[in-house]
């Protein structure tokens, strides 16, 4: 049986970058009566399954994936979670 690691990458806009979609979500929630909602920032989650069991190697590869494709690092930040 081959081993594998599961990873989750959270990608969100960096602080200071305008988030019109987050603003629209917040406005809609307020309009629906959820007045306690303040600022909303939206993002995306990407789940990946990687072969192997070396967590450090996987983290290095995931960082490269984020830098090269998954995140636009000019305006987005990312966080990697390994399971």
PDB file of N, CA and C in Angstrom:
ATOM      1  N   UNK A   1       0.845  -1.189   0.000  1.00  0.00           N
ATOM      2  CA  UNK A   1       0.000   0.000   0.000  1.00  0.00           C
ATOM      3  C   UNK A   1       0.889   1.251   0.000  1.00  0.00           C
ATOM      4  N   UNK A   2       0.686   2.153  -0.934  1.00  0.00           N
ATOM      5  CA  UNK A   2       1.501   3.369  -0.989  1.00  0.00           C
ATOM      6  C   UNK A   2       0.984   4.399   0.003  1.00  0.00           C
ATOM      7  N   UNK A   3       1.920   5.162   0.547  1.00  0.00           N
ATOM      8  CA  UNK A   3       1.524   6.177   1.522  1.00  0.00           C
ATOM      9  C   UNK A   3       1.281   7.502   0.811  1.00  0.00           C
ATOM     10  N   UNK A   4       0.461   8.304   1.453  1.00  0.00           N
ATOM     11  CA  UNK A   4       0.176   9.616   0.877  1.00  0.00           C
ATOM     12  C   UNK A   4      -0.088  10.619   1.990  1.00  0.00           C
ATOM     13  N   UNK A   5       0.058  11.867   1.643  1.00  0.00           N
ATOM     14  CA  UNK A   5      -0.219  12.979   2.558  1.00  0.00           C
ATOM     15  C   UNK A   5      -1.359  13.790   1.976  1.00  0.00           C
ATOM     16  N   UNK A   6      -2.178  14.298   2.831  1.00  0.00           N
ATOM     17  CA  UNK A   6      -3.251  15.194   2.394  1.00  0.00           C
ATOM     18  C   UNK A   6      -2.860  16.612   2.802  1.00  0.00           C
ATOM     19  N   UNK A   7      -3.078  17.535   1.891  1.00  0.00           N
ATOM     20  CA  UNK A   7      -2.729  18.929   2.144  1.00  0.00           C
ATOM     21  C   UNK A   7      -3.927  19.815   1.827  1.00  0.00           C
ATOM     22  N   UNK A   8      -4.011  20.892   2.555  1.00  0.00           N
ATOM     23  CA  UNK A   8      -5.032  21.906   2.291  1.00  0.00           C
ATOM     24  C   UNK A   8      -4.300  23.243   2.205  1.00  0.00           C
ATOM     25  N   UNK A   9      -4.575  23.974   1.122  1.00  0.00           N
ATOM     26  CA  UNK A   9      -3.968  25.288   0.913  1.00  0.00           C
ATOM     27  C   UNK A   9      -5.079  26.328   0.968  1.00  0.00           C
ATOM     28  N   UNK A  10      -4.901  27.308   1.857  1.00  0.00           N
ATOM     29  CA  UNK A  10      -5.841  28.424   1.989  1.00  0.00           C
ATOM     30  C   UNK A  10      -5.218  29.620   1.280  1.00  0.00           C
ATOM     31  N   UNK A  11      -5.955  30.212   0.352  1.00  0.00           N
ATOM     32  CA  UNK A  11      -5.450  31.365  -0.402  1.00  0.00           C
ATOM     33  C   UNK A  11      -6.408  32.527  -0.199  1.00  0.00           C
ATOM     34  N   UNK A  12      -5.862  33.641   0.266  1.00  0.00           N
ATOM     35  CA  UNK A  12      -6.669  34.839   0.493  1.00  0.00           C
ATOM     36  C   UNK A  12      -5.910  36.060  -0.022  1.00  0.00           C
ATOM     37  N   UNK A  13      -6.650  37.129  -0.222  1.00  0.00           N
ATOM     38  CA  UNK A  13      -6.013  38.381  -0.644  1.00  0.00           C
ATOM     39  C   UNK A  13      -5.194  38.952   0.506  1.00  0.00           C
ATOM     40  N   UNK A  14      -4.076  39.560   0.166  1.00  0.00           N
ATOM     41  CA  UNK A  14      -3.244  40.194   1.186  1.00  0.00           C
ATOM     42  C   UNK A  14      -3.987  41.375   1.791  1.00  0.00           C
ATOM     43  N   UNK A  15      -3.645  41.707   3.037  1.00  0.00           N
ATOM     44  CA  UNK A  15      -4.223  42.884   3.683  1.00  0.00           C
ATOM     45  C   UNK A  15      -3.892  44.115   2.850  1.00  0.00           C
ATOM     46  N   UNK A  16      -4.859  44.989   2.699  1.00  0.00           N
ATOM     47  CA  UNK A  16      -4.665  46.199   1.914  1.00  0.00           C
ATOM     48  C   UNK A  16      -5.093  46.062   0.468  1.00  0.00           C
ATOM     49  N   UNK A  17      -5.305  44.826   0.005  1.00  0.00           N
ATOM     50  CA  UNK A  17      -5.792  44.614  -1.359  1.00  0.00           C
ATOM     51  C   UNK A  17      -7.313  44.650  -1.325  1.00  0.00           C
ATOM     52  N   UNK A  18      -7.905  45.448  -2.195  1.00  0.00           N
ATOM     53  CA  UNK A  18      -9.365  45.549  -2.225  1.00  0.00           C
ATOM     54  C   UNK A  18      -9.992  44.193  -2.536  1.00  0.00           C
ATOM     55  N   UNK A  19     -11.068  43.880  -1.824  1.00  0.00           N
ATOM     56  CA  UNK A  19     -11.771  42.610  -1.985  1.00  0.00           C
ATOM     57  C   UNK A  19     -13.238  42.899  -2.286  1.00  0.00           C
ATOM     58  N   UNK A  20     -13.564  43.246  -3.550  1.00  0.00           N
ATOM     59  CA  UNK A  20     -14.949  43.599  -3.873  1.00  0.00           C
ATOM     60  C   UNK A  20     -15.928  42.452  -3.642  1.00  0.00           C
ATOM     61  N   UNK A  21     -15.497  41.225  -3.856  1.00  0.00           N
ATOM     62  CA  UNK A  21     -16.392  40.092  -3.635  1.00  0.00           C
ATOM     63  C   UNK A  21     -16.686  39.939  -2.136  1.00  0.00           C
ATOM     64  N   UNK A  22     -15.672  40.090  -1.306  1.00  0.00           N
ATOM     65  CA  UNK A  22     -15.875  40.044   0.143  1.00  0.00           C
ATOM     66  C   UNK A  22     -16.805  41.155   0.598  1.00  0.00           C
ATOM     67  N   UNK A  23     -16.611  42.344   0.024  1.00  0.00           N
ATOM     68  CA  UNK A  23     -17.467  43.478   0.377  1.00  0.00           C
ATOM     69  C   UNK A  23     -18.923  43.197  -0.013  1.00  0.00           C
ATOM     70  N   UNK A  24     -19.136  42.607  -1.202  1.00  0.00           N
ATOM     71  CA  UNK A  24     -20.490  42.278  -1.651  1.00  0.00           C
ATOM     72  C   UNK A  24     -21.131  41.224  -0.750  1.00  0.00           C
ATOM     73  N   UNK A  25     -20.344  40.240  -0.318  1.00  0.00           N
ATOM     74  CA  UNK A  25     -20.861  39.210   0.592  1.00  0.00           C
ATOM     75  C   UNK A  25     -21.281  39.846   1.917  1.00  0.00           C
ATOM     76  N   UNK A  26     -20.423  40.714   2.455  1.00  0.00           N
ATOM     77  CA  UNK A  26     -20.738  41.400   3.714  1.00  0.00           C
ATOM     78  C   UNK A  26     -21.993  42.240   3.596  1.00  0.00           C
ATOM     79  N   UNK A  27     -22.109  42.968   2.490  1.00  0.00           N
ATOM     80  CA  UNK A  27     -23.291  43.821   2.259  1.00  0.00           C
ATOM     81  C   UNK A  27     -24.552  42.965   2.174  1.00  0.00           C
ATOM     82  N   UNK A  28     -24.466  41.833   1.459  1.00  0.00           N
ATOM     83  CA  UNK A  28     -25.627  40.946   1.316  1.00  0.00           C
ATOM     84  C   UNK A  28     -26.023  40.345   2.664  1.00  0.00           C
ATOM     85  N   UNK A  29     -25.050  39.951   3.467  1.00  0.00           N
ATOM     86  CA  UNK A  29     -25.358  39.395   4.786  1.00  0.00           C
ATOM     87  C   UNK A  29     -26.023  40.439   5.676  1.00  0.00           C
ATOM     88  N   UNK A  30     -25.522  41.674   5.634  1.00  0.00           N
ATOM     89  CA  UNK A  30     -26.153  42.758   6.397  1.00  0.00           C
ATOM     90  C   UNK A  30     -27.589  42.956   5.936  1.00  0.00           C
ATOM     91  N   UNK A  31     -27.812  42.918   4.600  1.00  0.00           N
ATOM     92  CA  UNK A  31     -29.145  43.085   4.040  1.00  0.00           C
ATOM     93  C   UNK A  31     -30.101  41.968   4.426  1.00  0.00           C
ATOM     94  N   UNK A  32     -29.552  40.802   4.741  1.00  0.00           N
ATOM     95  CA  UNK A  32     -30.368  39.666   5.168  1.00  0.00           C
ATOM     96  C   UNK A  32     -30.621  39.673   6.678  1.00  0.00           C
ATOM     97  N   UNK A  33     -30.171  40.745   7.335  1.00  0.00           N
ATOM     98  CA  UNK A  33     -30.435  40.873   8.760  1.00  0.00           C
ATOM     99  C   UNK A  33     -29.297  40.422   9.664  1.00  0.00           C
ATOM    100  N   UNK A  34     -28.160  40.080   9.105  1.00  0.00           N
ATOM    101  CA  UNK A  34     -27.004  39.688   9.916  1.00  0.00           C
ATOM    102  C   UNK A  34     -26.142  40.922  10.183  1.00  0.00           C
ATOM    103  N   UNK A  35     -26.681  41.794  11.036  1.00  0.00           N
ATOM    104  CA  UNK A  35     -26.034  43.071  11.308  1.00  0.00           C
ATOM    105  C   UNK A  35     -24.721  42.980  12.058  1.00  0.00           C
ATOM    106  N   UNK A  36     -24.438  41.835  12.655  1.00  0.00           N
ATOM    107  CA  UNK A  36     -23.195  41.693  13.412  1.00  0.00           C
ATOM    108  C   UNK A  36     -21.990  41.449  12.504  1.00  0.00           C
ATOM    109  N   UNK A  37     -22.228  41.219  11.205  1.00  0.00           N
ATOM    110  CA  UNK A  37     -21.127  40.951  10.271  1.00  0.00           C
ATOM    111  C   UNK A  37     -20.441  42.257   9.917  1.00  0.00           C
ATOM    112  N   UNK A  38     -19.138  42.295  10.138  1.00  0.00           N
ATOM    113  CA  UNK A  38     -18.327  43.458   9.782  1.00  0.00           C
ATOM    114  C   UNK A  38     -17.629  43.199   8.453  1.00  0.00           C
ATOM    115  N   UNK A  39     -16.309  43.391   8.447  1.00  0.00           N
ATOM    116  CA  UNK A  39     -15.542  43.187   7.218  1.00  0.00           C
ATOM    117  C   UNK A  39     -15.525  41.710   6.852  1.00  0.00           C
ATOM    118  N   UNK A  40     -15.658  41.423   5.564  1.00  0.00           N
ATOM    119  CA  UNK A  40     -15.610  40.055   5.049  1.00  0.00           C
ATOM    120  C   UNK A  40     -14.491  39.981   4.021  1.00  0.00           C
ATOM    121  N   UNK A  41     -13.645  38.969   4.144  1.00  0.00           N
ATOM    122  CA  UNK A  41     -12.604  38.688   3.160  1.00  0.00           C
ATOM    123  C   UNK A  41     -12.880  37.292   2.623  1.00  0.00           C
ATOM    124  N   UNK A  42     -12.901  37.124   1.328  1.00  0.00           N
ATOM    125  CA  UNK A  42     -13.151  35.810   0.755  1.00  0.00           C
ATOM    126  C   UNK A  42     -11.861  35.255   0.175  1.00  0.00           C
ATOM    127  N   UNK A  43     -11.834  33.960   0.012  1.00  0.00           N
ATOM    128  CA  UNK A  43     -10.652  33.303  -0.536  1.00  0.00           C
ATOM    129  C   UNK A  43     -11.028  31.967  -1.134  1.00  0.00           C
ATOM    130  N   UNK A  44     -10.030  31.102  -1.265  1.00  0.00           N
ATOM    131  CA  UNK A  44     -10.300  29.774  -1.804  1.00  0.00           C
ATOM    132  C   UNK A  44      -9.492  28.737  -1.036  1.00  0.00           C
ATOM    133  N   UNK A  45      -9.991  27.506  -1.082  1.00  0.00           N
ATOM    134  CA  UNK A  45      -9.334  26.375  -0.433  1.00  0.00           C
ATOM    135  C   UNK A  45      -9.070  25.336  -1.504  1.00  0.00           C
ATOM    136  N   UNK A  46      -7.852  24.808  -1.517  1.00  0.00           N
ATOM    137  CA  UNK A  46      -7.486  23.759  -2.463  1.00  0.00           C
ATOM    138  C   UNK A  46      -7.007  22.551  -1.668  1.00  0.00           C
ATOM    139  N   UNK A  47      -7.639  21.400  -1.871  1.00  0.00           N
ATOM    140  CA  UNK A  47      -7.239  20.156  -1.226  1.00  0.00           C
ATOM    141  C   UNK A  47      -6.430  19.334  -2.221  1.00  0.00           C
ATOM    142  N   UNK A  48      -5.293  18.819  -1.758  1.00  0.00           N
ATOM    143  CA  UNK A  48      -4.429  18.005  -2.608  1.00  0.00           C
ATOM    144  C   UNK A  48      -4.044  16.729  -1.873  1.00  0.00           C
ATOM    145  N   UNK A  49      -3.838  15.671  -2.623  1.00  0.00           N
ATOM    146  CA  UNK A  49      -3.291  14.436  -2.076  1.00  0.00           C
ATOM    147  C   UNK A  49      -1.953  14.215  -2.756  1.00  0.00           C
ATOM    148  N   UNK A  50      -0.920  14.034  -1.951  1.00  0.00           N
ATOM    149  CA  UNK A  50       0.437  13.878  -2.471  1.00  0.00           C
ATOM    150  C   UNK A  50       0.959  12.492  -2.113  1.00  0.00           C
ATOM    151  N   UNK A  51       1.627  11.835  -3.044  1.00  0.00           N
ATOM    152  CA  UNK A  51       2.206  10.532  -2.749  1.00  0.00           C
ATOM    153  C   UNK A  51       3.458  10.722  -1.905  1.00  0.00           C
ATOM    154  N   UNK A  52       3.757   9.727  -1.083  1.00  0.00           N
ATOM    155  CA  UNK A  52       4.925   9.781  -0.213  1.00  0.00           C
ATOM    156  C   UNK A  52       4.528  10.113   1.209  1.00  0.00           C
ATOM    157  N   UNK A  53       5.514  10.090   2.096  1.00  0.00           N
ATOM    158  CA  UNK A  53       5.238  10.342   3.512  1.00  0.00           C
ATOM    159  C   UNK A  53       6.184  11.370   4.129  1.00  0.00           C
ATOM    160  N   UNK A  54       7.030  11.995   3.309  1.00  0.00           N
ATOM    161  CA  UNK A  54       7.986  12.987   3.802  1.00  0.00           C
ATOM    162  C   UNK A  54       7.310  14.355   3.875  1.00  0.00           C
ATOM    163  N   UNK A  55       6.928  14.745   5.090  1.00  0.00           N
ATOM    164  CA  UNK A  55       6.181  15.993   5.284  1.00  0.00           C
ATOM    165  C   UNK A  55       6.993  17.218   4.881  1.00  0.00           C
ATOM    166  N   UNK A  56       8.286  17.225   5.174  1.00  0.00           N
ATOM    167  CA  UNK A  56       9.122  18.388   4.822  1.00  0.00           C
ATOM    168  C   UNK A  56       9.236  18.540   3.307  1.00  0.00           C
ATOM    169  N   UNK A  57       9.426  17.416   2.604  1.00  0.00           N
ATOM    170  CA  UNK A  57       9.498  17.463   1.136  1.00  0.00           C
ATOM    171  C   UNK A  57       8.168  17.944   0.560  1.00  0.00           C
ATOM    172  N   UNK A  58       7.072  17.428   1.130  1.00  0.00           N
ATOM    173  CA  UNK A  58       5.741  17.822   0.660  1.00  0.00           C
ATOM    174  C   UNK A  58       5.522  19.319   0.856  1.00  0.00           C
ATOM    175  N   UNK A  59       5.939  19.833   2.009  1.00  0.00           N
ATOM    176  CA  UNK A  59       5.752  21.263   2.290  1.00  0.00           C
ATOM    177  C   UNK A  59       6.565  22.112   1.301  1.00  0.00           C
ATOM    178  N   UNK A  60       7.778  21.670   0.994  1.00  0.00           N
ATOM    179  CA  UNK A  60       8.614  22.383   0.021  1.00  0.00           C
ATOM    180  C   UNK A  60       7.945  22.380  -1.356  1.00  0.00           C
ATOM    181  N   UNK A  61       7.413  21.215  -1.763  1.00  0.00           N
ATOM    182  CA  UNK A  61       6.729  21.127  -3.058  1.00  0.00           C
ATOM    183  C   UNK A  61       5.474  21.986  -3.081  1.00  0.00           C
ATOM    184  N   UNK A  62       4.723  21.976  -1.989  1.00  0.00           N
ATOM    185  CA  UNK A  62       3.500  22.778  -1.924  1.00  0.00           C
ATOM    186  C   UNK A  62       3.806  24.267  -2.020  1.00  0.00           C
ATOM    187  N   UNK A  63       4.869  24.709  -1.365  1.00  0.00           N
ATOM    188  CA  UNK A  63       5.262  26.122  -1.471  1.00  0.00           C
ATOM    189  C   UNK A  63       5.575  26.471  -2.925  1.00  0.00           C
ATOM    190  N   UNK A  64       6.290  25.576  -3.613  1.00  0.00           N
ATOM    191  CA  UNK A  64       6.625  25.816  -5.023  1.00  0.00           C
ATOM    192  C   UNK A  64       5.358  25.856  -5.876  1.00  0.00           C
ATOM    193  N   UNK A  65       4.396  24.964  -5.588  1.00  0.00           N
ATOM    194  CA  UNK A  65       3.129  24.962  -6.329  1.00  0.00           C
ATOM    195  C   UNK A  65       2.390  26.285  -6.145  1.00  0.00           C
ATOM    196  N   UNK A  66       2.389  26.777  -4.908  1.00  0.00           N
ATOM    197  CA  UNK A  66       1.700  28.045  -4.627  1.00  0.00           C
ATOM    198  C   UNK A  66       2.384  29.202  -5.331  1.00  0.00           C
ATOM    199  N   UNK A  67       3.716  29.224  -5.275  1.00  0.00           N
ATOM    200  CA  UNK A  67       4.475  30.322  -5.881  1.00  0.00           C
ATOM    201  C   UNK A  67       4.354  30.324  -7.412  1.00  0.00           C
ATOM    202  N   UNK A  68       4.272  29.137  -8.013  1.00  0.00           N
ATOM    203  CA  UNK A  68       4.266  29.041  -9.473  1.00  0.00           C
ATOM    204  C   UNK A  68       2.877  29.051 -10.097  1.00  0.00           C
ATOM    205  N   UNK A  69       1.839  28.565  -9.366  1.00  0.00           N
ATOM    206  CA  UNK A  69       0.546  28.416 -10.013  1.00  0.00           C
ATOM    207  C   UNK A  69      -0.653  28.746  -9.121  1.00  0.00           C
ATOM    208  N   UNK A  70      -0.699  28.192  -7.932  1.00  0.00           N
ATOM    209  CA  UNK A  70      -1.932  28.236  -7.149  1.00  0.00           C
ATOM    210  C   UNK A  70      -2.296  29.629  -6.632  1.00  0.00           C
ATOM    211  N   UNK A  71      -1.293  30.436  -6.289  1.00  0.00           N
ATOM    212  CA  UNK A  71      -1.562  31.769  -5.742  1.00  0.00           C
ATOM    213  C   UNK A  71      -0.885  32.836  -6.592  1.00  0.00           C
ATOM    214  N   UNK A  72      -1.540  33.970  -6.724  1.00  0.00           N
ATOM    215  CA  UNK A  72      -0.920  35.147  -7.341  1.00  0.00           C
ATOM    216  C   UNK A  72      -0.260  35.904  -6.191  1.00  0.00           C
ATOM    217  N   UNK A  73       1.021  35.633  -5.968  1.00  0.00           N
ATOM    218  CA  UNK A  73       1.691  36.130  -4.765  1.00  0.00           C
ATOM    219  C   UNK A  73       1.870  37.644  -4.736  1.00  0.00           C
ATOM    220  N   UNK A  74       1.554  38.321  -5.829  1.00  0.00           N
ATOM    221  CA  UNK A  74       1.590  39.782  -5.817  1.00  0.00           C
ATOM    222  C   UNK A  74       0.466  40.314  -4.928  1.00  0.00           C
ATOM    223  N   UNK A  75      -0.708  39.671  -5.015  1.00  0.00           N
ATOM    224  CA  UNK A  75      -1.862  40.162  -4.262  1.00  0.00           C
ATOM    225  C   UNK A  75      -2.447  39.141  -3.284  1.00  0.00           C
ATOM    226  N   UNK A  76      -1.969  37.886  -3.351  1.00  0.00           N
ATOM    227  CA  UNK A  76      -2.536  36.851  -2.492  1.00  0.00           C
ATOM    228  C   UNK A  76      -1.476  36.263  -1.562  1.00  0.00           C
ATOM    229  N   UNK A  77      -1.952  35.815  -0.411  1.00  0.00           N
ATOM    230  CA  UNK A  77      -1.102  35.069   0.519  1.00  0.00           C
ATOM    231  C   UNK A  77      -1.677  33.670   0.648  1.00  0.00           C
ATOM    232  N   UNK A  78      -0.850  32.738   1.075  1.00  0.00           N
ATOM    233  CA  UNK A  78      -1.312  31.366   1.208  1.00  0.00           C
ATOM    234  C   UNK A  78      -0.819  30.757   2.510  1.00  0.00           C
ATOM    235  N   UNK A  79      -1.563  29.765   2.946  1.00  0.00           N
ATOM    236  CA  UNK A  79      -1.242  29.033   4.171  1.00  0.00           C
ATOM    237  C   UNK A  79      -1.402  27.556   3.854  1.00  0.00           C
ATOM    238  N   UNK A  80      -0.426  26.752   4.242  1.00  0.00           N
ATOM    239  CA  UNK A  80      -0.428  25.327   3.937  1.00  0.00           C
ATOM    240  C   UNK A  80      -0.673  24.534   5.211  1.00  0.00           C
ATOM    241  N   UNK A  81      -1.574  23.562   5.108  1.00  0.00           N
ATOM    242  CA  UNK A  81      -1.878  22.681   6.238  1.00  0.00           C
ATOM    243  C   UNK A  81      -1.705  21.240   5.761  1.00  0.00           C
ATOM    244  N   UNK A  82      -0.850  20.475   6.437  1.00  0.00           N
ATOM    245  CA  UNK A  82      -0.652  19.060   6.095  1.00  0.00           C
ATOM    246  C   UNK A  82      -1.395  18.189   7.086  1.00  0.00           C
ATOM    247  N   UNK A  83      -1.988  17.112   6.588  1.00  0.00           N
ATOM    248  CA  UNK A  83      -2.706  16.173   7.468  1.00  0.00           C
ATOM    249  C   UNK A  83      -2.069  14.801   7.360  1.00  0.00           C
TER     250      UNK A  83
END
